[in-house]
N, C-alpha and C. Protein backbone atom coordinates (compact mmCIF):
# COMPACT_ATOMS: atom_id res chain seq x y z
N MET A 1 44.65 81.99 53.73
CA MET A 1 45.71 82.99 53.49
C MET A 1 46.97 82.31 52.76
N ALA A 2 47.40 81.29 53.38
CA ALA A 2 48.71 80.58 52.86
C ALA A 2 48.47 79.92 51.56
N LYS A 3 47.24 79.71 51.16
CA LYS A 3 47.05 79.11 49.77
C LYS A 3 47.27 80.30 48.66
N LYS A 4 46.96 81.51 49.10
CA LYS A 4 47.17 82.53 48.13
C LYS A 4 48.44 82.86 48.09
N ALA A 5 49.38 82.87 49.20
CA ALA A 5 50.77 83.18 48.92
C ALA A 5 51.49 82.13 48.20
N VAL A 6 51.14 80.85 48.36
CA VAL A 6 51.79 79.79 47.66
C VAL A 6 51.40 79.65 46.22
N ALA A 7 50.30 80.17 45.87
CA ALA A 7 49.79 80.13 44.54
C ALA A 7 50.40 81.26 43.77
N SER A 8 50.83 82.33 44.54
CA SER A 8 51.55 83.51 43.75
C SER A 8 52.94 83.04 43.47
N MET A 9 53.41 82.25 44.29
CA MET A 9 54.96 81.90 43.92
C MET A 9 55.15 80.88 42.86
N GLN A 10 53.96 80.31 42.52
CA GLN A 10 54.04 79.23 41.50
C GLN A 10 54.06 79.96 40.09
N LYS A 11 53.61 81.15 39.94
CA LYS A 11 53.70 81.98 38.72
C LYS A 11 55.01 82.58 38.56
N GLY A 12 55.19 82.84 37.20
CA GLY A 12 56.21 83.65 36.83
C GLY A 12 57.60 83.15 36.93
N GLU A 13 58.55 83.79 37.57
CA GLU A 13 60.11 83.36 37.81
C GLU A 13 60.36 82.55 39.16
N GLY A 14 59.26 82.32 39.81
CA GLY A 14 59.48 81.65 41.13
C GLY A 14 60.05 80.23 40.98
N ARG A 15 59.62 79.65 39.82
CA ARG A 15 60.00 78.33 39.35
C ARG A 15 61.29 78.08 38.71
N SER A 16 61.93 79.21 38.25
CA SER A 16 63.10 79.21 37.51
C SER A 16 64.28 79.08 38.52
N PHE A 17 64.14 79.18 39.97
CA PHE A 17 65.13 79.08 40.79
C PHE A 17 65.10 77.92 41.56
N ALA A 18 66.38 77.29 42.14
CA ALA A 18 66.17 76.20 43.02
C ALA A 18 67.18 76.51 44.43
N LYS A 19 66.87 75.80 45.34
CA LYS A 19 67.77 75.98 46.71
C LYS A 19 68.59 74.83 46.61
N VAL A 20 69.86 75.01 46.55
CA VAL A 20 70.66 73.87 46.53
C VAL A 20 71.57 73.93 47.72
N ILE A 21 71.89 72.73 48.19
CA ILE A 21 72.68 72.56 49.46
C ILE A 21 73.91 71.82 49.04
N LYS A 22 74.98 72.46 49.56
CA LYS A 22 76.39 71.77 49.26
C LYS A 22 77.30 71.64 50.56
N MET A 23 77.65 70.43 50.63
CA MET A 23 78.53 70.08 51.89
C MET A 23 79.83 70.53 51.60
N VAL A 24 80.52 71.19 52.29
CA VAL A 24 81.90 71.84 52.47
C VAL A 24 82.65 71.46 53.53
N LYS A 25 83.88 70.96 53.53
CA LYS A 25 84.72 70.97 54.67
C LYS A 25 85.30 72.11 55.25
N SER A 26 85.23 72.44 56.41
CA SER A 26 85.73 73.86 56.98
C SER A 26 87.29 73.73 57.06
N PRO A 27 87.92 74.53 56.65
CA PRO A 27 89.48 74.52 56.72
C PRO A 27 89.95 74.87 58.13
N LYS A 28 89.24 75.66 58.72
CA LYS A 28 89.63 76.01 60.13
C LYS A 28 89.44 74.59 61.13
N THR A 29 88.05 74.02 61.09
CA THR A 29 87.95 73.01 62.25
C THR A 29 88.09 71.73 61.64
N GLY A 30 87.89 71.43 60.38
CA GLY A 30 87.91 70.14 59.76
C GLY A 30 86.38 69.58 59.61
N ALA A 31 85.65 70.16 60.29
CA ALA A 31 84.08 69.60 60.21
C ALA A 31 83.30 70.07 58.92
N TYR A 32 82.51 69.32 58.59
CA TYR A 32 81.63 69.47 57.50
C TYR A 32 80.76 70.43 57.78
N VAL A 33 80.41 71.55 56.69
CA VAL A 33 79.46 72.59 56.97
C VAL A 33 78.68 72.57 55.75
N PHE A 34 77.35 73.02 55.93
CA PHE A 34 76.36 72.97 54.72
C PHE A 34 76.12 74.44 54.24
N GLN A 35 76.37 74.70 53.05
CA GLN A 35 76.20 75.92 52.47
C GLN A 35 74.78 75.81 51.51
N GLU A 36 73.91 76.77 51.90
CA GLU A 36 72.77 76.87 51.16
C GLU A 36 72.72 78.14 50.29
N GLU A 37 72.20 77.96 49.04
CA GLU A 37 71.97 79.17 48.09
C GLU A 37 70.84 78.79 47.17
N ILE A 38 70.32 79.93 46.78
CA ILE A 38 69.14 80.08 45.81
C ILE A 38 69.96 80.22 44.50
N VAL A 39 69.91 79.48 43.51
CA VAL A 39 70.52 79.55 42.38
C VAL A 39 69.53 79.33 41.00
N HIS A 40 69.78 80.02 39.91
CA HIS A 40 69.14 79.81 38.93
C HIS A 40 69.19 78.44 38.46
N ASN A 41 68.00 77.71 37.68
CA ASN A 41 68.14 76.33 37.26
C ASN A 41 69.12 75.88 36.45
N GLU A 42 69.49 76.96 35.35
CA GLU A 42 70.62 76.75 34.41
C GLU A 42 71.91 76.78 34.98
N ARG A 43 72.01 77.30 36.17
CA ARG A 43 73.47 77.11 36.98
C ARG A 43 73.42 76.17 37.88
N VAL A 44 72.77 75.33 38.21
CA VAL A 44 72.85 74.43 39.26
C VAL A 44 74.04 73.43 39.05
N LYS A 45 74.56 73.01 38.18
CA LYS A 45 75.40 72.20 37.82
C LYS A 45 77.00 72.84 37.87
N ASP A 46 76.82 74.08 37.49
CA ASP A 46 78.12 75.11 37.57
C ASP A 46 78.32 75.03 39.08
N TYR A 47 77.12 75.37 39.94
CA TYR A 47 77.38 75.62 41.52
C TYR A 47 78.18 74.41 42.06
N PHE A 48 77.82 73.17 41.64
CA PHE A 48 78.32 71.96 42.27
C PHE A 48 79.68 71.68 41.95
N THR A 49 80.14 72.18 40.62
CA THR A 49 81.42 71.81 39.90
C THR A 49 82.62 72.58 40.62
N LYS A 50 82.11 73.98 41.40
CA LYS A 50 83.07 74.69 41.99
C LYS A 50 83.90 74.02 43.06
């Protein structure tokens, strides 16, 4: 059953998105926090320049 779900995700638009993880310093505590988002492949560089 898992093979069928994985195979269906590889077709179409599933490959045009990427999961990006950005490390951001919290202004409240000063500790680093990880932000995760799913972004279109064309906007990955824009996400990290913000």
